[in-house]
Amino acid sequence: MNSQSEHIWIQTITGSRKTINFCWACILFLGSLGFLVVGTSSYFGRNLIPPEQIFFSEQIFFFPQGIVMSFYGIAGLFISAYLWCAIFWNVGSGFDLFDRKKGIVCIFRWGFPGKNRRIFRSYLMRDILSITMEIKERRSPVLYLDTDEEEIELNWTDEYFTLREIEQKAAELAYFLNVPLEIF
């Protein structure tokens, strides 16, 4: 989503709270829980979940299959917990603010909790040399703000835009900032 007036352009960034991340976190949690239950059931030698048609843990020996399944289950639960934390804290969300009246560009993102939870960078518009769009095969295009010292990545492409829509947004931003658009 973007909000634009004559002097201000605000581009909001979604971050981790996307439908696909919720789906992967649920699938990973349920799958790893299944692996852990089967591995634990093979240790005890009986099914821990009543319907025997779902998990066939009597047919699995604890050494080596049960140990490996338990390990995968525990590892999957840790990765799932990481995904759920990233979703809960909405890591990567934020906004890009372009203000022609004040002549500044502000980039704000949320990170993981800690000293650098809030990531805020500001630049002067006169330091922006161009907007660069890098297109690679089989990957989403990437937009950059080129300054004297560095290239700042604008990750607007995480939403599902077509190449034409991304080019249009990059051209509008370049026109708004009064800088050239370079496409590689």
C-alpha atoms as a PDB file:
ATOM      1  CA  MET A   1       0.000   0.000   0.000  1.00  0.00           C
ATOM      2  CA  ASN A   2       1.226   3.467  -0.679  1.00  0.00           C
ATOM      3  CA  SER A   3      -0.071   6.870   0.217  1.00  0.00           C
ATOM      4  CA  GLN A   4       0.873   9.864  -1.864  1.00  0.00           C
ATOM      5  CA  SER A   5       0.203  13.571  -1.884  1.00  0.00           C
ATOM      6  CA  GLU A   6       1.870  16.422  -3.689  1.00  0.00           C
ATOM      7  CA  HIS A   7       4.843  16.600  -1.302  1.00  0.00           C
ATOM      8  CA  ILE A   8       4.833  13.301   0.629  1.00  0.00           C
ATOM      9  CA  TRP A   9       4.969   9.676  -0.499  1.00  0.00           C
ATOM     10  CA  ILE A  10       4.622   6.896   2.091  1.00  0.00           C
ATOM     11  CA  GLN A  11       5.187   3.275   1.097  1.00  0.00           C
ATOM     12  CA  THR A  12       4.211   0.722   3.760  1.00  0.00           C
ATOM     13  CA  ILE A  13       6.073  -2.587   3.979  1.00  0.00           C
ATOM     14  CA  THR A  14       4.226  -5.740   5.027  1.00  0.00           C
ATOM     15  CA  GLY A  15       6.947  -7.643   6.863  1.00  0.00           C
ATOM     16  CA  SER A  16       6.534 -11.149   8.271  1.00  0.00           C
ATOM     17  CA  ARG A  17       2.760 -11.144   8.707  1.00  0.00           C
ATOM     18  CA  LYS A  18       1.947 -12.680   5.367  1.00  0.00           C
ATOM     19  CA  THR A  19      -0.404 -15.544   4.629  1.00  0.00           C
ATOM     20  CA  ILE A  20       2.401 -17.705   3.255  1.00  0.00           C
ATOM     21  CA  ASN A  21       4.407 -17.341   6.484  1.00  0.00           C
ATOM     22  CA  PHE A  22       1.379 -18.370   8.565  1.00  0.00           C
ATOM     23  CA  CYS A  23       0.909 -21.411   6.317  1.00  0.00           C
ATOM     24  CA  TRP A  24       4.546 -22.471   6.546  1.00  0.00           C
ATOM     25  CA  ALA A  25       4.643 -21.976  10.324  1.00  0.00           C
ATOM     26  CA  CYS A  26       1.527 -24.161  10.768  1.00  0.00           C
ATOM     27  CA  ILE A  27       2.735 -26.867   8.369  1.00  0.00           C
ATOM     28  CA  LEU A  28       6.163 -26.957   9.977  1.00  0.00           C
ATOM     29  CA  PHE A  29       4.726 -27.075  13.490  1.00  0.00           C
ATOM     30  CA  LEU A  30       2.277 -29.897  12.735  1.00  0.00           C
ATOM     31  CA  GLY A  31       4.810 -31.890  10.714  1.00  0.00           C
ATOM     32  CA  SER A  32       7.532 -31.638  13.321  1.00  0.00           C
ATOM     33  CA  LEU A  33       5.049 -32.495  16.076  1.00  0.00           C
ATOM     34  CA  GLY A  34       4.137 -35.641  14.110  1.00  0.00           C
ATOM     35  CA  PHE A  35       7.808 -36.592  13.769  1.00  0.00           C
ATOM     36  CA  LEU A  36       8.358 -36.060  17.494  1.00  0.00           C
ATOM     37  CA  VAL A  37       5.297 -38.144  18.437  1.00  0.00           C
ATOM     38  CA  VAL A  38       6.374 -41.030  16.195  1.00  0.00           C
ATOM     39  CA  GLY A  39       9.948 -40.902  17.528  1.00  0.00           C
ATOM     40  CA  THR A  40       8.754 -40.812  21.129  1.00  0.00           C
ATOM     41  CA  SER A  41       6.234 -43.597  20.470  1.00  0.00           C
ATOM     42  CA  SER A  42       8.990 -45.766  19.015  1.00  0.00           C
ATOM     43  CA  TYR A  43      11.001 -45.233  22.217  1.00  0.00           C
ATOM     44  CA  PHE A  44       8.124 -46.412  24.416  1.00  0.00           C
ATOM     45  CA  GLY A  45       7.220 -49.209  21.978  1.00  0.00           C
ATOM     46  CA  ARG A  46       3.537 -48.246  21.749  1.00  0.00           C
ATOM     47  CA  ASN A  47       1.458 -45.558  20.061  1.00  0.00           C
ATOM     48  CA  LEU A  48       0.960 -42.422  22.127  1.00  0.00           C
ATOM     49  CA  ILE A  49      -1.925 -41.356  19.886  1.00  0.00           C
ATOM     50  CA  PRO A  50      -4.893 -43.791  20.076  1.00  0.00           C
ATOM     51  CA  PRO A  51      -5.862 -44.512  16.442  1.00  0.00           C
ATOM     52  CA  GLU A  52      -3.150 -46.896  15.274  1.00  0.00           C
ATOM     53  CA  GLN A  53      -4.061 -46.233  11.643  1.00  0.00           C
ATOM     54  CA  ILE A  54      -2.488 -42.762  11.743  1.00  0.00           C
ATOM     55  CA  PHE A  55       0.965 -43.471  13.225  1.00  0.00           C
ATOM     56  CA  PHE A  56       2.648 -46.840  12.748  1.00  0.00           C
ATOM     57  CA  SER A  57       5.260 -46.417  15.443  1.00  0.00           C
ATOM     58  CA  GLU A  58       5.414 -50.124  16.385  1.00  0.00           C
ATOM     59  CA  GLN A  59       7.042 -50.786  13.024  1.00  0.00           C
ATOM     60  CA  ILE A  60       9.788 -48.204  13.673  1.00  0.00           C
ATOM     61  CA  PHE A  61      12.801 -49.147  15.801  1.00  0.00           C
ATOM     62  CA  PHE A  62      13.989 -46.463  18.169  1.00  0.00           C
ATOM     63  CA  PHE A  63      17.572 -46.918  17.064  1.00  0.00           C
ATOM     64  CA  PRO A  64      18.273 -45.400  14.464  1.00  0.00           C
ATOM     65  CA  GLN A  65      14.910 -44.332  12.900  1.00  0.00           C
ATOM     66  CA  GLY A  66      13.199 -43.159  16.117  1.00  0.00           C
ATOM     67  CA  ILE A  67      16.205 -41.073  17.166  1.00  0.00           C
ATOM     68  CA  VAL A  68      16.385 -39.414  13.744  1.00  0.00           C
ATOM     69  CA  MET A  69      12.635 -38.722  13.709  1.00  0.00           C
ATOM     70  CA  SER A  70      12.816 -37.246  17.220  1.00  0.00           C
ATOM     71  CA  PHE A  71      15.747 -35.075  16.174  1.00  0.00           C
ATOM     72  CA  TYR A  72      13.830 -33.830  13.099  1.00  0.00           C
ATOM     73  CA  GLY A  73      10.784 -33.183  15.268  1.00  0.00           C
ATOM     74  CA  ILE A  74      12.749 -31.126  17.797  1.00  0.00           C
ATOM     75  CA  ALA A  75      14.603 -29.211  15.060  1.00  0.00           C
ATOM     76  CA  GLY A  76      11.306 -28.504  13.287  1.00  0.00           C
ATOM     77  CA  LEU A  77       9.745 -27.206  16.494  1.00  0.00           C
ATOM     78  CA  PHE A  78      12.656 -24.786  16.947  1.00  0.00           C
ATOM     79  CA  ILE A  79      12.360 -23.528  13.369  1.00  0.00           C
ATOM     80  CA  SER A  80       8.590 -23.237  13.787  1.00  0.00           C
ATOM     81  CA  ALA A  81       9.083 -21.243  17.006  1.00  0.00           C
ATOM     82  CA  TYR A  82      11.444 -18.924  15.120  1.00  0.00           C
ATOM     83  CA  LEU A  83       8.822 -18.368  12.392  1.00  0.00           C
ATOM     84  CA  TRP A  84       6.063 -17.728  14.934  1.00  0.00           C
ATOM     85  CA  CYS A  85       8.274 -15.207  16.774  1.00  0.00           C
ATOM     86  CA  ALA A  86       9.060 -13.413  13.509  1.00  0.00           C
ATOM     87  CA  ILE A  87       5.326 -13.286  12.721  1.00  0.00           C
ATOM     88  CA  PHE A  88       4.432 -12.115  16.235  1.00  0.00           C
ATOM     89  CA  TRP A  89       7.047  -9.325  16.209  1.00  0.00           C
ATOM     90  CA  ASN A  90       6.261  -8.544  12.538  1.00  0.00           C
ATOM     91  CA  VAL A  91       9.936  -8.466  11.600  1.00  0.00           C
ATOM     92  CA  GLY A  92      10.674  -6.538   8.429  1.00  0.00           C
ATOM     93  CA  SER A  93       7.572  -4.369   8.486  1.00  0.00           C
ATOM     94  CA  GLY A  94       7.815  -0.618   8.360  1.00  0.00           C
ATOM     95  CA  PHE A  95       7.586   2.220   5.903  1.00  0.00           C
ATOM     96  CA  ASP A  96       9.515   4.370   3.476  1.00  0.00           C
ATOM     97  CA  LEU A  97       8.762   8.100   3.672  1.00  0.00           C
ATOM     98  CA  PHE A  98       9.735  10.500   0.907  1.00  0.00           C
ATOM     99  CA  ASP A  99       9.121  14.151   1.835  1.00  0.00           C
ATOM    100  CA  ARG A 100       9.854  16.715  -0.891  1.00  0.00           C
ATOM    101  CA  LYS A 101       8.915  19.644   1.342  1.00  0.00           C
ATOM    102  CA  LYS A 102      11.563  18.840   3.975  1.00  0.00           C
ATOM    103  CA  GLY A 103      13.903  17.209   1.454  1.00  0.00           C
ATOM    104  CA  ILE A 104      14.340  13.961   3.381  1.00  0.00           C
ATOM    105  CA  VAL A 105      13.919  10.236   2.855  1.00  0.00           C
ATOM    106  CA  CYS A 106      13.199   8.119   5.949  1.00  0.00           C
ATOM    107  CA  ILE A 107      13.352   4.334   5.988  1.00  0.00           C
ATOM    108  CA  PHE A 108      11.949   2.539   9.041  1.00  0.00           C
ATOM    109  CA  ARG A 109      11.824  -1.214   9.727  1.00  0.00           C
ATOM    110  CA  TRP A 110      11.061  -3.408  12.719  1.00  0.00           C
ATOM    111  CA  GLY A 111      13.677  -6.043  13.594  1.00  0.00           C
ATOM    112  CA  PHE A 112      13.960  -8.717  16.266  1.00  0.00           C
ATOM    113  CA  PRO A 113      13.798  -7.520  19.889  1.00  0.00           C
ATOM    114  CA  GLY A 114      17.010  -6.175  21.284  1.00  0.00           C
ATOM    115  CA  LYS A 115      19.213  -3.162  20.914  1.00  0.00           C
ATOM    116  CA  ASN A 116      18.465  -2.774  17.194  1.00  0.00           C
ATOM    117  CA  ARG A 117      14.717  -3.502  17.261  1.00  0.00           C
ATOM    118  CA  ARG A 118      13.899  -0.198  15.545  1.00  0.00           C
ATOM    119  CA  ILE A 119      15.864   0.397  12.373  1.00  0.00           C
ATOM    120  CA  PHE A 120      15.586   4.008  11.244  1.00  0.00           C
ATOM    121  CA  ARG A 121      17.683   5.611   8.531  1.00  0.00           C
ATOM    122  CA  SER A 122      17.230   9.046   7.040  1.00  0.00           C
ATOM    123  CA  TYR A 123      18.854  10.631   4.010  1.00  0.00           C
ATOM    124  CA  LEU A 124      18.727  13.980   2.299  1.00  0.00           C
ATOM    125  CA  MET A 125      16.990  13.959  -1.071  1.00  0.00           C
ATOM    126  CA  ARG A 126      19.796  15.886  -2.677  1.00  0.00           C
ATOM    127  CA  ASP A 127      22.125  12.962  -1.892  1.00  0.00           C
ATOM    128  CA  ILE A 128      20.008  10.533  -3.943  1.00  0.00           C
ATOM    129  CA  LEU A 129      21.591  10.090  -7.358  1.00  0.00           C
ATOM    130  CA  SER A 130      19.134   7.658  -8.974  1.00  0.00           C
ATOM    131  CA  ILE A 131      16.644   4.842  -8.541  1.00  0.00           C
ATOM    132  CA  THR A 132      18.117   1.547  -9.739  1.00  0.00           C
ATOM    133  CA  MET A 133      16.060  -1.479 -10.688  1.00  0.00           C
ATOM    134  CA  GLU A 134      17.991  -4.739 -10.908  1.00  0.00           C
ATOM    135  CA  ILE A 135      16.315  -7.541 -12.838  1.00  0.00           C
ATOM    136  CA  LYS A 136      17.691 -11.081 -12.610  1.00  0.00           C
ATOM    137  CA  GLU A 137      16.382 -14.224 -14.225  1.00  0.00           C
ATOM    138  CA  ARG A 138      13.929 -16.249 -12.132  1.00  0.00           C
ATOM    139  CA  ARG A 139      13.993 -13.705  -9.296  1.00  0.00           C
ATOM    140  CA  SER A 140      11.956 -10.708  -8.323  1.00  0.00           C
ATOM    141  CA  PRO A 141      13.331  -7.324  -9.361  1.00  0.00           C
ATOM    142  CA  VAL A 142      15.057  -5.296  -6.671  1.00  0.00           C
ATOM    143  CA  LEU A 143      14.791  -1.521  -6.282  1.00  0.00           C
ATOM    144  CA  TYR A 144      17.671   0.546  -4.906  1.00  0.00           C
ATOM    145  CA  LEU A 145      18.133   4.180  -3.926  1.00  0.00           C
ATOM    146  CA  ASP A 146      21.625   5.153  -5.052  1.00  0.00           C
ATOM    147  CA  THR A 147      23.411   7.715  -2.904  1.00  0.00           C
ATOM    148  CA  ASP A 148      26.998   8.908  -2.811  1.00  0.00           C
ATOM    149  CA  GLU A 149      28.012   6.346  -0.182  1.00  0.00           C
ATOM    150  CA  GLU A 150      25.707   3.353  -0.573  1.00  0.00           C
ATOM    151  CA  GLU A 151      22.820   1.614  -2.294  1.00  0.00           C
ATOM    152  CA  ILE A 152      19.725   1.323  -0.114  1.00  0.00           C
ATOM    153  CA  GLU A 153      17.455  -1.586  -0.993  1.00  0.00           C
ATOM    154  CA  LEU A 154      13.745  -0.845  -1.123  1.00  0.00           C
ATOM    155  CA  ASN A 155      12.027  -4.194  -0.659  1.00  0.00           C
ATOM    156  CA  TRP A 156       8.657  -3.363  -2.191  1.00  0.00           C
ATOM    157  CA  THR A 157       8.866  -6.410  -4.406  1.00  0.00           C
ATOM    158  CA  ASP A 158       7.889  -8.864  -1.657  1.00  0.00           C
ATOM    159  CA  GLU A 159       4.283  -8.260  -2.619  1.00  0.00           C
ATOM    160  CA  TYR A 160       3.115 -10.038  -5.747  1.00  0.00           C
ATOM    161  CA  PHE A 161       3.528  -7.421  -8.452  1.00  0.00           C
ATOM    162  CA  THR A 162       4.115  -8.064 -12.102  1.00  0.00           C
ATOM    163  CA  LEU A 163       7.298  -6.763 -13.659  1.00  0.00           C
ATOM    164  CA  ARG A 164       5.345  -4.021 -15.395  1.00  0.00           C
ATOM    165  CA  GLU A 165       3.781  -2.873 -12.105  1.00  0.00           C
ATOM    166  CA  ILE A 166       7.179  -2.741 -10.398  1.00  0.00           C
ATOM    167  CA  GLU A 167       8.624  -0.757 -13.306  1.00  0.00           C
ATOM    168  CA  GLN A 168       5.670   1.623 -13.081  1.00  0.00           C
ATOM    169  CA  LYS A 169       6.162   2.132  -9.330  1.00  0.00           C
ATOM    170  CA  ALA A 170       9.906   2.698  -9.821  1.00  0.00           C
ATOM    171  CA  ALA A 171       9.228   5.227 -12.592  1.00  0.00           C
ATOM    172  CA  GLU A 172       6.680   7.065 -10.417  1.00  0.00           C
ATOM    173  CA  LEU A 173       9.154   7.212  -7.526  1.00  0.00           C
ATOM    174  CA  ALA A 174      11.956   8.448  -9.796  1.00  0.00           C
ATOM    175  CA  TYR A 175       9.632  11.134 -11.146  1.00  0.00           C
ATOM    176  CA  PHE A 176       8.544  12.073  -7.602  1.00  0.00           C
ATOM    177  CA  LEU A 177      12.169  12.394  -6.449  1.00  0.00           C
ATOM    178  CA  ASN A 178      13.247  14.027  -9.720  1.00  0.00           C
ATOM    179  CA  VAL A 179      16.090  11.541 -10.273  1.00  0.00           C
ATOM    180  CA  PRO A 180      16.825   9.184 -13.190  1.00  0.00           C
ATOM    181  CA  LEU A 181      15.674   5.559 -13.285  1.00  0.00           C
ATOM    182  CA  GLU A 182      18.318   2.982 -14.197  1.00  0.00           C
ATOM    183  CA  ILE A 183      17.374  -0.576 -15.094  1.00  0.00           C
ATOM    184  CA  PHE A 184      19.966  -3.377 -15.090  1.00  0.00           C
END
